Amino acid sequence: MEDVFDNSIDELRAASSLHEPIFPFSDFSSASKAAVAFLRAVTSFELCAVTRIEENELILLSVNDSPYGLKPGDTITLERGLCSGVVNGECPKFIADTGSRHGSGALERLGSIPDIGAHIGVPLILANHTVFGTICAINRDPMPDLTSLEITAIELTARMLSTVLSLELQSLDQRRRYERAKRESESDELTGLLNRRGWDRAVSEEDILCAQYGFSASVMVIDLDNLKIVNDTQGHKAGDGLLRKAAEIIEQTCRADDVVARTGGDEFAVLTKGISQEGLQAFARRIRIALMVAGVSASVGTSTRSSSKSLIDAWTEADEAMYVSKRSKPIL
């Protein structure tokens, strides 16, 4: 572990060369590792870390540690740590000697944690003014007082790290909002399946992959035969129930990586990958039988993509095959 952080310190020093470009960090994790290496280089403390405070625990995110045996992902009970005192304003951020008069409050917080002679803890505060965690350092023996320049550099590092983190969390939140809005815009409200927009996207993306990598993919179109009759004789509430039942049966019969969508009023579609013609026909039979057992009559058509036929063309062909099947049935 120490060799890794010694290398990080060397890289940090090398990056400060006047002849080398200074590139931005790729994410908070890489910035944290550099901040830990910088703190170690500036203070010579044995343990330096970036932490996350979660309820009553201090979670180590980035850490260099030789004497304490800690590693990223390890947790410390917050009540036993000096970082909680820093966050709560009960301890100073910089304690060169925990046994001194200035560090006497720290001794009361150490409890059964041995061998902490000096401590640094600077909170990482997000843009919404909540405390995320700390950048901190521990040494077994007391250390010389830090200079005002060193303190300023450490606090500036903490502030810049908080800025990187805040921007990354804001970006993550925006991405989650976008994905949620995208899912909602591509979901059929009645059945929970993909709607036509979601289906079009899935077919387009899979067609590109098939062209690039030679994957095989097939399309199945399923049309409910008697939805109009149910709507006319029993009402649209019963018709909606029929659609939900059909959607559930189709989805349960499909494989986990199959794409299932409601593409029209009484029409569903399935995109399935890596299946032979015999397997595709057997798959279609399973869906027809499962629907029939549940009292749902349906017509099914299938088609497979080829080098001369796109998935969109296969969908059109499967739709035509479905209508051939529907026309072959007796009119009720």
Protein backbone atom coordinates (compact mmCIF):
# COMPACT_ATOMS: atom_id res chain seq x y z
CA MET A 1 0.00 0.00 0.00
CA GLU A 2 2.76 2.45 0.92
CA ASP A 3 4.57 1.82 -2.38
CA VAL A 4 1.40 2.74 -4.27
CA PHE A 5 1.12 6.07 -2.48
CA ASP A 6 4.84 6.74 -2.73
CA ASN A 7 4.38 6.34 -6.48
CA SER A 8 1.40 8.71 -6.32
CA ILE A 9 3.53 11.30 -4.57
CA ASP A 10 6.24 10.90 -7.22
CA GLU A 11 3.62 11.33 -9.94
CA LEU A 12 2.26 14.38 -8.15
CA ARG A 13 5.70 15.96 -8.07
CA ALA A 14 6.36 15.03 -11.68
CA ALA A 15 3.07 16.60 -12.75
CA SER A 16 4.17 19.91 -11.27
CA SER A 17 6.98 20.20 -13.79
CA LEU A 18 6.88 23.44 -15.73
CA HIS A 19 7.19 21.46 -18.96
CA GLU A 20 4.29 19.07 -18.33
CA PRO A 21 0.64 19.86 -19.16
CA ILE A 22 -1.79 19.84 -16.23
CA PHE A 23 -4.83 17.74 -17.07
CA PRO A 24 -8.12 17.73 -15.14
CA PHE A 25 -9.05 14.80 -12.93
CA SER A 26 -11.38 12.29 -14.54
CA ASP A 27 -13.57 11.98 -11.45
CA PHE A 28 -13.80 12.44 -7.68
CA SER A 29 -12.04 9.14 -7.03
CA SER A 30 -8.89 10.15 -8.92
CA ALA A 31 -8.98 13.61 -7.31
CA SER A 32 -9.27 11.97 -3.88
CA LYS A 33 -6.22 9.78 -4.48
CA ALA A 34 -4.20 12.81 -5.54
CA ALA A 35 -5.42 14.78 -2.51
CA VAL A 36 -4.37 11.96 -0.17
CA ALA A 37 -0.95 11.80 -1.83
CA PHE A 38 -0.62 15.59 -1.52
CA LEU A 39 -1.58 15.53 2.16
CA ARG A 40 0.97 12.81 2.82
CA ALA A 41 3.69 14.75 0.99
CA VAL A 42 2.95 18.01 2.81
CA THR A 43 2.49 16.67 6.35
CA SER A 44 4.39 13.33 6.47
CA PHE A 45 1.52 11.92 8.55
CA GLU A 46 1.46 8.13 8.49
CA LEU A 47 -2.20 7.78 7.56
CA CYS A 48 -3.98 10.12 5.16
CA ALA A 49 -7.49 9.53 3.88
CA VAL A 50 -10.61 10.89 2.24
CA THR A 51 -13.73 9.71 4.03
CA ARG A 52 -17.50 9.61 3.70
CA ILE A 53 -19.72 10.13 6.75
CA GLU A 54 -22.77 7.87 6.64
CA GLU A 55 -25.02 7.89 9.70
CA ASN A 56 -22.73 6.76 12.55
CA GLU A 57 -19.88 5.48 10.38
CA LEU A 58 -16.79 6.92 8.77
CA ILE A 59 -16.19 5.12 5.47
CA LEU A 60 -12.66 5.27 4.03
CA LEU A 61 -12.81 6.08 0.30
CA SER A 62 -9.13 6.74 -0.44
CA VAL A 63 -6.41 5.92 2.07
CA ASN A 64 -2.70 5.32 2.36
CA ASP A 65 -2.01 3.32 5.47
CA SER A 66 0.96 1.41 6.77
CA PRO A 67 0.69 1.34 10.59
CA TYR A 68 -3.08 1.04 11.05
CA GLY A 69 -3.86 -1.68 8.50
CA LEU A 70 -6.82 0.18 6.99
CA LYS A 71 -7.90 0.06 3.36
CA PRO A 72 -10.57 1.66 1.13
CA GLY A 73 -14.02 0.46 2.12
CA ASP A 74 -13.15 -0.02 5.80
CA THR A 75 -15.38 1.75 8.32
CA ILE A 76 -14.79 3.38 11.70
CA THR A 77 -17.52 4.07 14.23
CA LEU A 78 -17.93 7.82 14.06
CA GLU A 79 -18.40 8.30 17.80
CA ARG A 80 -14.89 6.95 18.35
CA GLY A 81 -13.24 9.14 15.75
CA LEU A 82 -11.75 12.59 15.92
CA CYS A 83 -13.37 13.44 12.59
CA SER A 84 -16.78 13.58 14.27
CA GLY A 85 -15.40 16.16 16.69
CA VAL A 86 -14.12 18.23 13.78
CA VAL A 87 -17.45 18.02 11.95
CA ASN A 88 -19.38 18.94 15.09
CA GLY A 89 -17.02 21.79 15.91
CA GLU A 90 -15.88 20.14 19.15
CA CYS A 91 -12.26 19.62 18.06
CA PRO A 92 -9.86 21.80 16.08
CA LYS A 93 -9.10 20.78 12.52
CA PHE A 94 -5.36 20.62 13.17
CA ILE A 95 -4.00 18.90 16.32
CA ALA A 96 -0.22 18.52 16.34
CA ASP A 97 -0.22 16.82 19.77
CA THR A 98 -3.38 15.14 21.11
CA GLY A 99 -1.83 15.12 24.59
CA SER A 100 -1.22 18.86 24.68
CA ARG A 101 -3.48 21.49 26.18
CA HIS A 102 -4.84 22.37 22.74
CA GLY A 103 -5.53 18.73 22.01
CA SER A 104 -6.93 17.74 25.39
CA GLY A 105 -10.48 17.63 24.05
CA ALA A 106 -9.33 15.09 21.52
CA LEU A 107 -8.16 12.66 24.21
CA GLU A 108 -11.70 12.33 25.52
CA ARG A 109 -12.86 11.26 22.06
CA LEU A 110 -10.15 8.68 21.46
CA GLY A 111 -11.70 6.05 23.74
CA SER A 112 -10.02 2.73 23.03
CA ILE A 113 -8.32 3.89 19.83
CA PRO A 114 -4.59 3.75 20.62
CA ASP A 115 -1.56 5.46 19.18
CA ILE A 116 -3.00 8.72 17.85
CA GLY A 117 -0.50 11.43 18.62
CA ALA A 118 -1.55 13.95 15.96
CA HIS A 119 -4.66 14.49 13.87
CA ILE A 120 -5.85 16.55 10.89
CA GLY A 121 -9.49 16.68 9.85
CA VAL A 122 -11.06 19.09 7.36
CA PRO A 123 -14.74 18.64 6.44
CA LEU A 124 -15.76 18.20 2.81
CA ILE A 125 -18.81 20.44 2.45
CA LEU A 126 -21.11 20.12 -0.56
CA ALA A 127 -22.76 22.95 -2.48
CA ASN A 128 -25.95 22.49 -0.43
CA HIS A 129 -23.89 23.06 2.76
CA THR A 130 -24.18 19.46 3.98
CA VAL A 131 -21.08 17.59 5.19
CA PHE A 132 -20.11 14.70 2.90
CA GLY A 133 -17.05 13.55 4.82
CA THR A 134 -13.50 14.66 5.55
CA ILE A 135 -9.97 14.73 4.30
CA CYS A 136 -7.98 13.65 7.32
CA ALA A 137 -4.62 12.43 8.58
CA ILE A 138 -3.40 10.54 11.66
CA ASN A 139 0.05 10.01 13.09
CA ARG A 140 1.02 7.78 16.01
CA ASP A 141 3.44 10.32 17.45
CA PRO A 142 2.94 14.06 17.95
CA MET A 143 4.01 16.15 14.96
CA PRO A 144 5.41 19.67 14.59
CA ASP A 145 2.86 22.45 14.23
CA LEU A 146 1.91 23.07 10.61
CA THR A 147 2.83 26.41 9.10
CA SER A 148 0.06 28.80 8.09
CA LEU A 149 0.95 28.13 4.44
CA GLU A 150 0.58 24.37 4.93
CA ILE A 151 -2.77 24.84 6.67
CA THR A 152 -3.98 27.08 3.85
CA ALA A 153 -2.84 24.53 1.25
CA ILE A 154 -4.68 21.69 3.03
CA GLU A 155 -7.87 23.72 3.42
CA LEU A 156 -7.68 24.77 -0.23
CA THR A 157 -7.24 21.12 -1.23
CA ALA A 158 -10.34 20.22 0.79
CA ARG A 159 -12.31 23.02 -0.81
CA MET A 160 -11.29 22.05 -4.35
CA LEU A 161 -12.05 18.39 -3.59
CA SER A 162 -15.49 19.44 -2.34
CA THR A 163 -16.02 21.36 -5.57
CA VAL A 164 -15.12 18.36 -7.73
CA LEU A 165 -17.41 16.18 -5.62
CA SER A 166 -20.32 18.64 -5.74
CA LEU A 167 -20.12 18.94 -9.52
CA GLU A 168 -19.89 15.16 -9.91
CA LEU A 169 -22.90 14.56 -7.64
CA GLN A 170 -24.88 17.22 -9.50
CA SER A 171 -24.00 15.53 -12.79
CA LEU A 172 -25.01 12.15 -11.36
CA ASP A 173 -28.33 13.57 -10.18
CA GLN A 174 -28.99 15.10 -13.60
CA ARG A 175 -28.13 11.81 -15.29
CA ARG A 176 -30.52 9.93 -12.99
CA ARG A 177 -33.27 12.45 -13.70
CA TYR A 178 -32.64 12.10 -17.43
CA GLU A 179 -32.73 8.29 -17.30
CA ARG A 180 -35.91 8.37 -15.22
CA ALA A 181 -37.56 10.81 -17.65
CA LYS A 182 -36.36 8.69 -20.56
CA ARG A 183 -37.84 5.54 -19.02
CA GLU A 184 -41.12 7.31 -18.36
CA SER A 185 -41.28 8.67 -21.91
CA GLU A 186 -40.61 5.19 -23.32
CA SER A 187 -42.98 3.26 -21.04
CA ASP A 188 -46.55 2.27 -21.79
CA GLU A 189 -48.61 3.60 -18.91
CA LEU A 190 -51.17 0.77 -18.98
CA THR A 191 -48.89 -2.28 -19.17
CA GLY A 192 -45.52 -1.02 -17.97
CA LEU A 193 -43.87 -2.36 -21.13
CA LEU A 194 -41.93 -0.23 -23.58
CA ASN A 195 -44.11 1.96 -25.76
CA ARG A 196 -43.64 2.61 -29.48
CA ARG A 197 -40.90 5.17 -28.87
CA GLY A 198 -38.96 2.77 -26.65
CA TRP A 199 -39.45 -0.04 -29.15
CA ASP A 200 -38.17 2.08 -32.05
CA ARG A 201 -35.05 2.97 -30.08
CA ALA A 202 -34.39 -0.65 -29.06
CA VAL A 203 -34.81 -1.92 -32.63
CA SER A 204 -32.57 0.81 -34.04
CA GLU A 205 -29.80 0.19 -31.48
CA GLU A 206 -29.92 -3.60 -31.93
CA ASP A 207 -29.85 -3.27 -35.72
CA ILE A 208 -26.59 -1.32 -35.47
CA LEU A 209 -25.06 -4.00 -33.22
CA CYS A 210 -26.16 -6.74 -35.60
CA ALA A 211 -24.51 -4.92 -38.51
CA GLN A 212 -21.29 -4.31 -36.56
CA TYR A 213 -20.82 -7.72 -34.96
CA GLY A 214 -22.87 -10.10 -37.06
CA PHE A 215 -25.34 -10.82 -34.27
CA SER A 216 -28.65 -12.45 -35.15
CA ALA A 217 -31.98 -11.01 -34.03
CA SER A 218 -35.62 -11.74 -34.70
CA VAL A 219 -38.92 -9.93 -34.26
CA MET A 220 -42.26 -11.34 -33.16
CA VAL A 221 -45.53 -9.43 -33.55
CA ILE A 222 -48.51 -10.43 -31.39
CA ASP A 223 -52.00 -9.06 -31.99
CA LEU A 224 -54.93 -9.73 -29.66
CA ASP A 225 -57.84 -11.05 -31.71
CA ASN A 226 -60.82 -10.03 -29.62
CA LEU A 227 -59.94 -6.75 -27.90
CA LYS A 228 -62.52 -4.76 -29.89
CA ILE A 229 -65.25 -7.25 -29.01
CA VAL A 230 -64.32 -7.09 -25.31
CA ASN A 231 -64.32 -3.28 -25.40
CA ASP A 232 -67.69 -3.19 -27.18
CA THR A 233 -69.44 -5.79 -25.04
CA GLN A 234 -67.77 -5.48 -21.62
CA GLY A 235 -66.38 -1.97 -21.66
CA HIS A 236 -62.90 -0.47 -21.86
CA LYS A 237 -62.08 -1.35 -18.26
CA ALA A 238 -62.36 -5.03 -19.20
CA GLY A 239 -60.34 -4.32 -22.34
CA ASP A 240 -57.59 -2.71 -20.28
CA GLY A 241 -57.58 -5.76 -18.01
CA LEU A 242 -57.17 -7.98 -21.07
CA LEU A 243 -54.21 -5.91 -22.27
CA ARG A 244 -52.53 -6.04 -18.86
CA LYS A 245 -53.05 -9.80 -18.64
CA ALA A 246 -51.62 -10.33 -22.14
CA ALA A 247 -48.62 -8.11 -21.38
CA GLU A 248 -47.87 -10.03 -18.19
CA ILE A 249 -48.11 -13.42 -19.92
CA ILE A 250 -45.92 -12.35 -22.85
CA GLU A 251 -43.28 -10.86 -20.56
CA GLN A 252 -43.23 -13.94 -18.32
CA THR A 253 -42.84 -16.23 -21.34
CA CYS A 254 -39.93 -14.23 -22.77
CA ARG A 255 -36.29 -14.50 -21.74
CA ALA A 256 -34.67 -11.93 -19.46
CA ASP A 257 -32.80 -10.21 -22.32
CA ASP A 258 -35.75 -10.13 -24.73
CA VAL A 259 -37.28 -6.71 -25.43
CA VAL A 260 -41.06 -6.59 -25.04
CA ALA A 261 -43.20 -3.62 -26.08
CA ARG A 262 -46.77 -2.59 -26.65
CA THR A 263 -46.52 -1.00 -30.07
CA GLY A 264 -50.19 -0.27 -30.72
CA GLY A 265 -53.67 -0.51 -29.26
CA ASP A 266 -53.89 -4.31 -29.30
CA GLU A 267 -50.46 -5.11 -30.70
CA PHE A 268 -47.29 -6.25 -28.92
CA ALA A 269 -43.80 -6.91 -30.25
CA VAL A 270 -40.84 -8.95 -29.02
CA LEU A 271 -37.20 -8.47 -30.02
CA THR A 272 -35.22 -11.64 -29.36
CA LYS A 273 -31.54 -12.34 -30.04
CA GLY A 274 -29.42 -15.36 -30.94
CA ILE A 275 -32.25 -17.76 -31.71
CA SER A 276 -32.60 -20.21 -34.62
CA GLN A 277 -35.62 -20.38 -36.93
CA GLU A 278 -36.78 -23.55 -35.20
CA GLY A 279 -36.29 -21.92 -31.81
CA LEU A 280 -38.17 -18.81 -32.96
CA GLN A 281 -41.19 -20.84 -34.08
CA ALA A 282 -41.15 -22.82 -30.83
CA PHE A 283 -40.97 -19.52 -28.93
CA ALA A 284 -44.00 -18.19 -30.85
CA ARG A 285 -45.95 -21.37 -30.08
CA ARG A 286 -45.17 -21.06 -26.37
CA ILE A 287 -46.54 -17.52 -26.31
CA ARG A 288 -49.68 -18.50 -28.26
CA ILE A 289 -50.34 -21.43 -25.92
CA ALA A 290 -49.67 -19.39 -22.77
CA LEU A 291 -52.13 -16.74 -23.95
CA MET A 292 -54.70 -19.34 -24.99
CA VAL A 293 -54.53 -21.07 -21.60
CA ALA A 294 -55.29 -17.69 -20.01
CA GLY A 295 -58.26 -17.24 -22.32
CA VAL A 296 -56.58 -14.73 -24.63
CA SER A 297 -56.74 -15.37 -28.38
CA ALA A 298 -53.87 -13.88 -30.38
CA SER A 299 -52.32 -13.95 -33.85
CA VAL A 300 -48.54 -14.14 -34.10
CA GLY A 301 -46.05 -13.42 -36.88
CA THR A 302 -42.26 -13.71 -36.88
CA SER A 303 -39.28 -12.69 -38.99
CA THR A 304 -35.49 -12.76 -38.65
CA ARG A 305 -32.97 -10.10 -39.61
CA SER A 306 -30.46 -10.95 -42.33
CA SER A 307 -27.63 -9.20 -44.18
CA SER A 308 -30.17 -8.00 -46.75
CA LYS A 309 -33.00 -7.32 -44.30
CA SER A 310 -32.81 -4.82 -41.45
CA LEU A 311 -34.61 -5.31 -38.16
CA ILE A 312 -37.13 -2.67 -39.20
CA ASP A 313 -37.79 -4.67 -42.37
CA ALA A 314 -38.06 -7.82 -40.26
CA TRP A 315 -40.62 -6.08 -38.05
CA THR A 316 -42.68 -5.14 -41.12
CA GLU A 317 -42.44 -8.72 -42.39
CA ALA A 318 -43.46 -10.13 -39.00
CA ASP A 319 -46.43 -7.75 -38.95
CA GLU A 320 -47.52 -8.99 -42.37
CA ALA A 321 -47.14 -12.61 -41.22
CA MET A 322 -49.30 -11.82 -38.20
CA TYR A 323 -52.09 -10.50 -40.45
CA VAL A 324 -51.88 -13.62 -42.62
CA SER A 325 -52.38 -15.68 -39.45
CA LYS A 326 -55.28 -13.47 -38.33
CA ARG A 327 -57.06 -13.69 -41.70
CA SER A 328 -56.80 -17.48 -41.65
CA LYS A 329 -58.90 -17.65 -38.47
CA PRO A 330 -62.69 -17.89 -38.57
CA ILE A 331 -64.53 -14.61 -38.01
CA LEU A 332 -66.37 -14.64 -34.68
